[in-house]
All heavy atoms as atom14 arrays in JSON, in Angstrom:
{
  "sequence": "SITGNAKYTVNIYAVDTNVMQVFIANFNNDFSNS",
  "atom14_mask": [
    [1, 1, 1, 1, 1, 1, 0, 0, 0, 0, 0, 0, 0, 0],
    [1, 1, 1, 1, 1, 1, 1, 1, 0, 0, 0, 0, 0, 0],
    [1, 1, 1, 1, 1, 1, 1, 0, 0, 0, 0, 0, 0, 0],
    [1, 1, 1, 1, 0, 0, 0, 0, 0, 0, 0, 0, 0, 0],
    [1, 1, 1, 1, 1, 1, 1, 1, 0, 0, 0, 0, 0, 0],
    [1, 1, 1, 1, 1, 0, 0, 0, 0, 0, 0, 0, 0, 0],
    [1, 1, 1, 1, 1, 1, 1, 1, 1, 0, 0, 0, 0, 0],
    [1, 1, 1, 1, 1, 1, 1, 1, 1, 1, 1, 1, 0, 0],
    [1, 1, 1, 1, 1, 1, 1, 0, 0, 0, 0, 0, 0, 0],
    [1, 1, 1, 1, 1, 1, 1, 0, 0, 0, 0, 0, 0, 0],
    [1, 1, 1, 1, 1, 1, 1, 1, 0, 0, 0, 0, 0, 0],
    [1, 1, 1, 1, 1, 1, 1, 1, 0, 0, 0, 0, 0, 0],
    [1, 1, 1, 1, 1, 1, 1, 1, 1, 1, 1, 1, 0, 0],
    [1, 1, 1, 1, 1, 0, 0, 0, 0, 0, 0, 0, 0, 0],
    [1, 1, 1, 1, 1, 1, 1, 0, 0, 0, 0, 0, 0, 0],
    [1, 1, 1, 1, 1, 1, 1, 1, 0, 0, 0, 0, 0, 0],
    [1, 1, 1, 1, 1, 1, 1, 0, 0, 0, 0, 0, 0, 0],
    [1, 1, 1, 1, 1, 1, 1, 1, 0, 0, 0, 0, 0, 0],
    [1, 1, 1, 1, 1, 1, 1, 0, 0, 0, 0, 0, 0, 0],
    [1, 1, 1, 1, 1, 1, 1, 1, 0, 0, 0, 0, 0, 0],
    [1, 1, 1, 1, 1, 1, 1, 1, 1, 0, 0, 0, 0, 0],
    [1, 1, 1, 1, 1, 1, 1, 0, 0, 0, 0, 0, 0, 0],
    [1, 1, 1, 1, 1, 1, 1, 1, 1, 1, 1, 0, 0, 0],
    [1, 1, 1, 1, 1, 1, 1, 1, 0, 0, 0, 0, 0, 0],
    [1, 1, 1, 1, 1, 0, 0, 0, 0, 0, 0, 0, 0, 0],
    [1, 1, 1, 1, 1, 1, 1, 1, 0, 0, 0, 0, 0, 0],
    [1, 1, 1, 1, 1, 1, 1, 1, 1, 1, 1, 0, 0, 0],
    [1, 1, 1, 1, 1, 1, 1, 1, 0, 0, 0, 0, 0, 0],
    [1, 1, 1, 1, 1, 1, 1, 1, 0, 0, 0, 0, 0, 0],
    [1, 1, 1, 1, 1, 1, 1, 1, 0, 0, 0, 0, 0, 0],
    [1, 1, 1, 1, 1, 1, 1, 1, 1, 1, 1, 0, 0, 0],
    [1, 1, 1, 1, 1, 1, 0, 0, 0, 0, 0, 0, 0, 0],
    [1, 1, 1, 1, 1, 1, 1, 1, 0, 0, 0, 0, 0, 0],
    [1, 1, 1, 1, 1, 1, 0, 0, 0, 0, 0, 0, 0, 0]
  ],
  "atom14_positions": [
    [[7.31, -69.09, 11.02], [6.48, -70.06, 10.38], [6.12, -71.23, 11.3], [4.96, -71.74, 11.25], [7.13, -70.62, 9.11], [8.38, -71.24, 9.45], [0.0, 0.0, 0.0], [0.0, 0.0, 0.0], [0.0, 0.0, 0.0], [0.0, 0.0, 0.0], [0.0, 0.0, 0.0], [0.0, 0.0, 0.0], [0.0, 0.0, 0.0], [0.0, 0.0, 0.0]],
    [[7.0, -71.61, 12.22], [6.66, -72.76, 13.13], [6.28, -72.22, 14.53], [5.29, -72.66, 15.12], [7.86, -73.73, 13.19], [8.0, -74.42, 11.85], [7.59, -74.76, 14.35], [9.15, -75.38, 11.73], [0.0, 0.0, 0.0], [0.0, 0.0, 0.0], [0.0, 0.0, 0.0], [0.0, 0.0, 0.0], [0.0, 0.0, 0.0], [0.0, 0.0, 0.0]],
    [[7.1, -71.32, 15.04], [6.89, -70.91, 16.45], [5.87, -69.7, 16.51], [5.52, -69.39, 17.63], [8.24, -70.49, 17.08], [8.84, -69.48, 16.25], [9.09, -71.66, 17.24], [0.0, 0.0, 0.0], [0.0, 0.0, 0.0], [0.0, 0.0, 0.0], [0.0, 0.0, 0.0], [0.0, 0.0, 0.0], [0.0, 0.0, 0.0], [0.0, 0.0, 0.0]],
    [[5.43, -69.18, 15.38], [4.42, -68.15, 15.4], [4.99, -66.81, 15.89], [6.12, -66.51, 15.83], [0.0, 0.0, 0.0], [0.0, 0.0, 0.0], [0.0, 0.0, 0.0], [0.0, 0.0, 0.0], [0.0, 0.0, 0.0], [0.0, 0.0, 0.0], [0.0, 0.0, 0.0], [0.0, 0.0, 0.0], [0.0, 0.0, 0.0], [0.0, 0.0, 0.0]],
    [[4.06, -66.1, 16.5], [4.42, -64.78, 17.07], [5.03, -64.86, 18.41], [4.53, -65.69, 19.26], [3.18, -63.84, 17.15], [2.57, -63.55, 15.77], [3.34, -63.53, 14.77], [1.26, -63.35, 15.7], [0.0, 0.0, 0.0], [0.0, 0.0, 0.0], [0.0, 0.0, 0.0], [0.0, 0.0, 0.0], [0.0, 0.0, 0.0], [0.0, 0.0, 0.0]],
    [[6.05, -64.12, 18.71], [6.72, -64.16, 20.03], [7.3, -62.83, 20.31], [7.7, -62.05, 19.41], [7.81, -65.23, 19.97], [0.0, 0.0, 0.0], [0.0, 0.0, 0.0], [0.0, 0.0, 0.0], [0.0, 0.0, 0.0], [0.0, 0.0, 0.0], [0.0, 0.0, 0.0], [0.0, 0.0, 0.0], [0.0, 0.0, 0.0], [0.0, 0.0, 0.0]],
    [[7.41, -62.53, 21.62], [8.05, -61.3, 22.06], [9.06, -61.67, 23.14], [8.77, -62.47, 24.01], [7.03, -60.34, 22.66], [6.06, -59.73, 21.59], [5.08, -58.76, 22.22], [4.11, -58.24, 21.22], [4.66, -57.21, 20.38], [0.0, 0.0, 0.0], [0.0, 0.0, 0.0], [0.0, 0.0, 0.0], [0.0, 0.0, 0.0], [0.0, 0.0, 0.0]],
    [[10.27, -61.09, 23.06], [11.33, -61.35, 24.01], [12.42, -60.38, 23.83], [12.24, -59.46, 22.99], [11.9, -62.81, 23.83], [12.41, -63.04, 22.38], [13.71, -62.9, 22.04], [11.49, -63.49, 21.38], [14.17, -63.12, 20.77], [11.91, -63.76, 20.1], [13.29, -63.55, 19.78], [13.68, -63.8, 18.53], [0.0, 0.0, 0.0], [0.0, 0.0, 0.0]],
    [[13.48, -60.37, 24.59], [14.61, -59.46, 24.42], [15.88, -60.16, 24.01], [16.04, -61.37, 24.33], [14.86, -58.68, 25.67], [15.17, -59.55, 26.74], [13.62, -57.85, 26.14], [0.0, 0.0, 0.0], [0.0, 0.0, 0.0], [0.0, 0.0, 0.0], [0.0, 0.0, 0.0], [0.0, 0.0, 0.0], [0.0, 0.0, 0.0], [0.0, 0.0, 0.0]],
    [[16.72, -59.49, 23.3], [18.06, -59.93, 22.94], [19.04, -58.83, 23.3], [18.67, -57.69, 23.49], [18.18, -60.34, 21.45], [17.3, -61.46, 21.09], [18.03, -59.14, 20.56], [0.0, 0.0, 0.0], [0.0, 0.0, 0.0], [0.0, 0.0, 0.0], [0.0, 0.0, 0.0], [0.0, 0.0, 0.0], [0.0, 0.0, 0.0], [0.0, 0.0, 0.0]],
    [[20.3, -59.28, 23.36], [21.37, -58.26, 23.56], [22.45, -58.48, 22.48], [22.94, -59.53, 22.27], [22.03, -58.45, 24.95], [23.06, -57.32, 25.24], [22.74, -56.16, 25.03], [24.19, -57.73, 25.77], [0.0, 0.0, 0.0], [0.0, 0.0, 0.0], [0.0, 0.0, 0.0], [0.0, 0.0, 0.0], [0.0, 0.0, 0.0], [0.0, 0.0, 0.0]],
    [[22.77, -57.42, 21.81], [23.82, -57.38, 20.83], [25.04, -56.75, 21.48], [24.95, -55.65, 22.0], [23.47, -56.65, 19.53], [22.27, -57.28, 18.87], [24.66, -56.55, 18.54], [21.82, -56.67, 17.54], [0.0, 0.0, 0.0], [0.0, 0.0, 0.0], [0.0, 0.0, 0.0], [0.0, 0.0, 0.0], [0.0, 0.0, 0.0], [0.0, 0.0, 0.0]],
    [[26.16, -57.47, 21.48], [27.38, -57.0, 22.14], [28.61, -57.28, 21.33], [28.57, -58.13, 20.37], [27.48, -57.62, 23.52], [27.61, -59.14, 23.55], [28.87, -59.65, 23.7], [26.53, -59.94, 23.43], [29.02, -61.06, 23.72], [26.65, -61.3, 23.46], [27.91, -61.86, 23.56], [28.1, -63.23, 23.57], [0.0, 0.0, 0.0], [0.0, 0.0, 0.0]],
    [[29.71, -56.68, 21.67], [31.01, -56.91, 21.04], [31.96, -57.43, 22.02], [31.88, -57.11, 23.21], [31.53, -55.57, 20.46], [0.0, 0.0, 0.0], [0.0, 0.0, 0.0], [0.0, 0.0, 0.0], [0.0, 0.0, 0.0], [0.0, 0.0, 0.0], [0.0, 0.0, 0.0], [0.0, 0.0, 0.0], [0.0, 0.0, 0.0], [0.0, 0.0, 0.0]],
    [[32.9, -58.27, 21.63], [33.82, -58.84, 22.59], [35.3, -58.72, 22.18], [36.19, -59.07, 22.88], [33.62, -60.33, 22.92], [32.24, -60.54, 23.6], [33.65, -61.2, 21.65], [0.0, 0.0, 0.0], [0.0, 0.0, 0.0], [0.0, 0.0, 0.0], [0.0, 0.0, 0.0], [0.0, 0.0, 0.0], [0.0, 0.0, 0.0], [0.0, 0.0, 0.0]],
    [[35.57, -58.22, 20.93], [36.94, -58.08, 20.54], [37.07, -56.85, 19.65], [36.14, -56.03, 19.53], [37.36, -59.34, 19.76], [36.59, -59.66, 18.54], [35.97, -58.74, 17.93], [36.44, -60.84, 18.16], [0.0, 0.0, 0.0], [0.0, 0.0, 0.0], [0.0, 0.0, 0.0], [0.0, 0.0, 0.0], [0.0, 0.0, 0.0], [0.0, 0.0, 0.0]],
    [[38.28, -56.72, 19.07], [38.58, -55.56, 18.24], [38.06, -55.61, 16.82], [38.3, -54.71, 16.12], [40.07, -55.23, 18.24], [40.73, -56.46, 17.76], [40.53, -54.92, 19.7], [0.0, 0.0, 0.0], [0.0, 0.0, 0.0], [0.0, 0.0, 0.0], [0.0, 0.0, 0.0], [0.0, 0.0, 0.0], [0.0, 0.0, 0.0], [0.0, 0.0, 0.0]],
    [[37.46, -56.71, 16.42], [36.92, -56.83, 15.05], [35.7, -55.96, 14.97], [34.58, -56.32, 15.39], [36.6, -58.29, 14.76], [36.1, -58.45, 13.35], [35.74, -57.48, 12.65], [36.06, -59.7, 12.94], [0.0, 0.0, 0.0], [0.0, 0.0, 0.0], [0.0, 0.0, 0.0], [0.0, 0.0, 0.0], [0.0, 0.0, 0.0], [0.0, 0.0, 0.0]],
    [[35.84, -54.75, 14.31], [34.73, -53.8, 14.25], [33.69, -54.23, 13.31], [32.66, -53.54, 13.11], [35.27, -52.43, 13.83], [36.17, -51.84, 14.93], [35.92, -52.41, 12.52], [0.0, 0.0, 0.0], [0.0, 0.0, 0.0], [0.0, 0.0, 0.0], [0.0, 0.0, 0.0], [0.0, 0.0, 0.0], [0.0, 0.0, 0.0], [0.0, 0.0, 0.0]],
    [[33.82, -55.38, 12.65], [32.83, -55.91, 11.73], [31.95, -56.98, 12.28], [31.04, -57.56, 11.64], [33.48, -56.4, 10.41], [34.42, -55.43, 9.77], [33.7, -54.08, 8.91], [33.18, -54.88, 7.43], [0.0, 0.0, 0.0], [0.0, 0.0, 0.0], [0.0, 0.0, 0.0], [0.0, 0.0, 0.0], [0.0, 0.0, 0.0], [0.0, 0.0, 0.0]],
    [[32.2, -57.4, 13.57], [31.52, -58.54, 14.21], [30.84, -58.14, 15.48], [31.36, -57.35, 16.27], [32.49, -59.65, 14.42], [31.89, -60.89, 14.96], [32.85, -62.07, 15.06], [34.02, -61.86, 15.35], [32.38, -63.29, 14.87], [0.0, 0.0, 0.0], [0.0, 0.0, 0.0], [0.0, 0.0, 0.0], [0.0, 0.0, 0.0], [0.0, 0.0, 0.0]],
    [[29.67, -58.71, 15.69], [28.95, -58.64, 16.94], [28.41, -60.06, 17.28], [28.48, -60.94, 16.55], [27.78, -57.63, 16.83], [28.22, -56.2, 16.64], [26.74, -58.13, 15.81], [0.0, 0.0, 0.0], [0.0, 0.0, 0.0], [0.0, 0.0, 0.0], [0.0, 0.0, 0.0], [0.0, 0.0, 0.0], [0.0, 0.0, 0.0], [0.0, 0.0, 0.0]],
    [[27.91, -60.09, 18.56], [27.32, -61.38, 19.06], [25.98, -61.06, 19.54], [25.66, -59.97, 20.03], [28.24, -61.94, 20.18], [29.55, -62.38, 19.59], [30.61, -61.48, 19.58], [29.72, -63.61, 19.03], [31.79, -61.81, 19.11], [31.0, -64.0, 18.51], [32.05, -63.1, 18.53], [0.0, 0.0, 0.0], [0.0, 0.0, 0.0], [0.0, 0.0, 0.0]],
    [[25.03, -62.05, 19.41], [23.65, -61.8, 19.86], [23.28, -62.87, 20.9], [23.37, -64.06, 20.57], [22.71, -61.93, 18.62], [23.12, -60.96, 17.53], [21.21, -61.69, 19.08], [22.36, -61.25, 16.2], [0.0, 0.0, 0.0], [0.0, 0.0, 0.0], [0.0, 0.0, 0.0], [0.0, 0.0, 0.0], [0.0, 0.0, 0.0], [0.0, 0.0, 0.0]],
    [[23.0, -62.42, 22.11], [22.6, -63.32, 23.17], [21.13, -63.46, 23.22], [20.4, -62.5, 22.92], [23.09, -62.69, 24.52], [0.0, 0.0, 0.0], [0.0, 0.0, 0.0], [0.0, 0.0, 0.0], [0.0, 0.0, 0.0], [0.0, 0.0, 0.0], [0.0, 0.0, 0.0], [0.0, 0.0, 0.0], [0.0, 0.0, 0.0], [0.0, 0.0, 0.0]],
    [[20.67, -64.65, 23.51], [19.23, -65.03, 23.59], [18.52, -64.95, 22.22], [17.34, -64.69, 22.11], [18.49, -64.15, 24.58], [17.15, -64.76, 24.99], [17.06, -65.97, 25.15], [16.15, -63.96, 25.04], [0.0, 0.0, 0.0], [0.0, 0.0, 0.0], [0.0, 0.0, 0.0], [0.0, 0.0, 0.0], [0.0, 0.0, 0.0], [0.0, 0.0, 0.0]],
    [[19.31, -65.31, 21.16], [18.69, -65.27, 19.86], [17.52, -66.19, 19.72], [17.57, -67.37, 20.13], [19.79, -65.68, 18.78], [19.31, -65.45, 17.36], [19.44, -64.16, 16.8], [18.66, -66.38, 16.63], [19.02, -63.91, 15.49], [18.2, -66.16, 15.38], [18.4, -64.92, 14.79], [0.0, 0.0, 0.0], [0.0, 0.0, 0.0], [0.0, 0.0, 0.0]],
    [[16.44, -65.74, 19.2], [15.14, -66.46, 19.09], [14.62, -66.94, 20.38], [13.82, -67.85, 20.41], [15.3, -67.61, 18.03], [13.94, -68.17, 17.53], [13.66, -69.26, 17.8], [13.23, -67.36, 16.84], [0.0, 0.0, 0.0], [0.0, 0.0, 0.0], [0.0, 0.0, 0.0], [0.0, 0.0, 0.0], [0.0, 0.0, 0.0], [0.0, 0.0, 0.0]],
    [[15.07, -66.34, 21.47], [14.67, -66.74, 22.84], [14.86, -68.26, 23.02], [14.12, -68.9, 23.76], [13.21, -66.4, 23.04], [12.9, -66.23, 24.51], [13.69, -65.85, 25.31], [11.63, -66.53, 24.86], [0.0, 0.0, 0.0], [0.0, 0.0, 0.0], [0.0, 0.0, 0.0], [0.0, 0.0, 0.0], [0.0, 0.0, 0.0], [0.0, 0.0, 0.0]],
    [[15.92, -68.83, 22.35], [16.06, -70.25, 22.3], [17.5, -70.76, 22.42], [17.72, -71.74, 23.14], [15.44, -70.75, 20.99], [15.34, -72.26, 20.89], [15.2, -72.96, 21.94], [15.4, -72.76, 19.78], [0.0, 0.0, 0.0], [0.0, 0.0, 0.0], [0.0, 0.0, 0.0], [0.0, 0.0, 0.0], [0.0, 0.0, 0.0], [0.0, 0.0, 0.0]],
    [[18.42, -70.07, 21.78], [19.81, -70.59, 21.78], [20.49, -70.29, 23.11], [20.42, -69.19, 23.57], [20.59, -70.02, 20.61], [20.18, -70.61, 19.27], [19.33, -69.94, 18.43], [20.72, -71.8, 18.83], [18.96, -70.45, 17.23], [20.39, -72.35, 17.64], [19.51, -71.64, 16.82], [0.0, 0.0, 0.0], [0.0, 0.0, 0.0], [0.0, 0.0, 0.0]],
    [[21.22, -71.26, 23.63], [21.96, -71.06, 24.87], [23.23, -70.19, 24.59], [23.62, -69.4, 25.42], [22.42, -72.39, 25.49], [21.27, -73.15, 25.83], [0.0, 0.0, 0.0], [0.0, 0.0, 0.0], [0.0, 0.0, 0.0], [0.0, 0.0, 0.0], [0.0, 0.0, 0.0], [0.0, 0.0, 0.0], [0.0, 0.0, 0.0], [0.0, 0.0, 0.0]],
    [[23.91, -70.47, 23.48], [25.11, -69.77, 23.13], [24.75, -68.6, 22.23], [23.74, -68.62, 21.49], [26.11, -70.69, 22.43], [26.64, -71.7, 23.43], [27.03, -71.39, 24.56], [26.64, -72.98, 22.98], [0.0, 0.0, 0.0], [0.0, 0.0, 0.0], [0.0, 0.0, 0.0], [0.0, 0.0, 0.0], [0.0, 0.0, 0.0], [0.0, 0.0, 0.0]],
    [[25.62, -67.63, 22.17], [25.43, -66.47, 21.29], [25.62, -66.76, 19.84], [26.36, -67.74, 19.52], [26.37, -65.35, 21.73], [26.07, -64.89, 23.02], [0.0, 0.0, 0.0], [0.0, 0.0, 0.0], [0.0, 0.0, 0.0], [0.0, 0.0, 0.0], [0.0, 0.0, 0.0], [0.0, 0.0, 0.0], [0.0, 0.0, 0.0], [0.0, 0.0, 0.0]]
  ]
}
């Protein structure tokens, strides 16, 4: 609604043994932390 159309890449990764959790790097092409 504010930033309009955008194209970029993200990476979904796992860092621990919690099989129910993932982390997303580069979310919205904006956040520094996952």
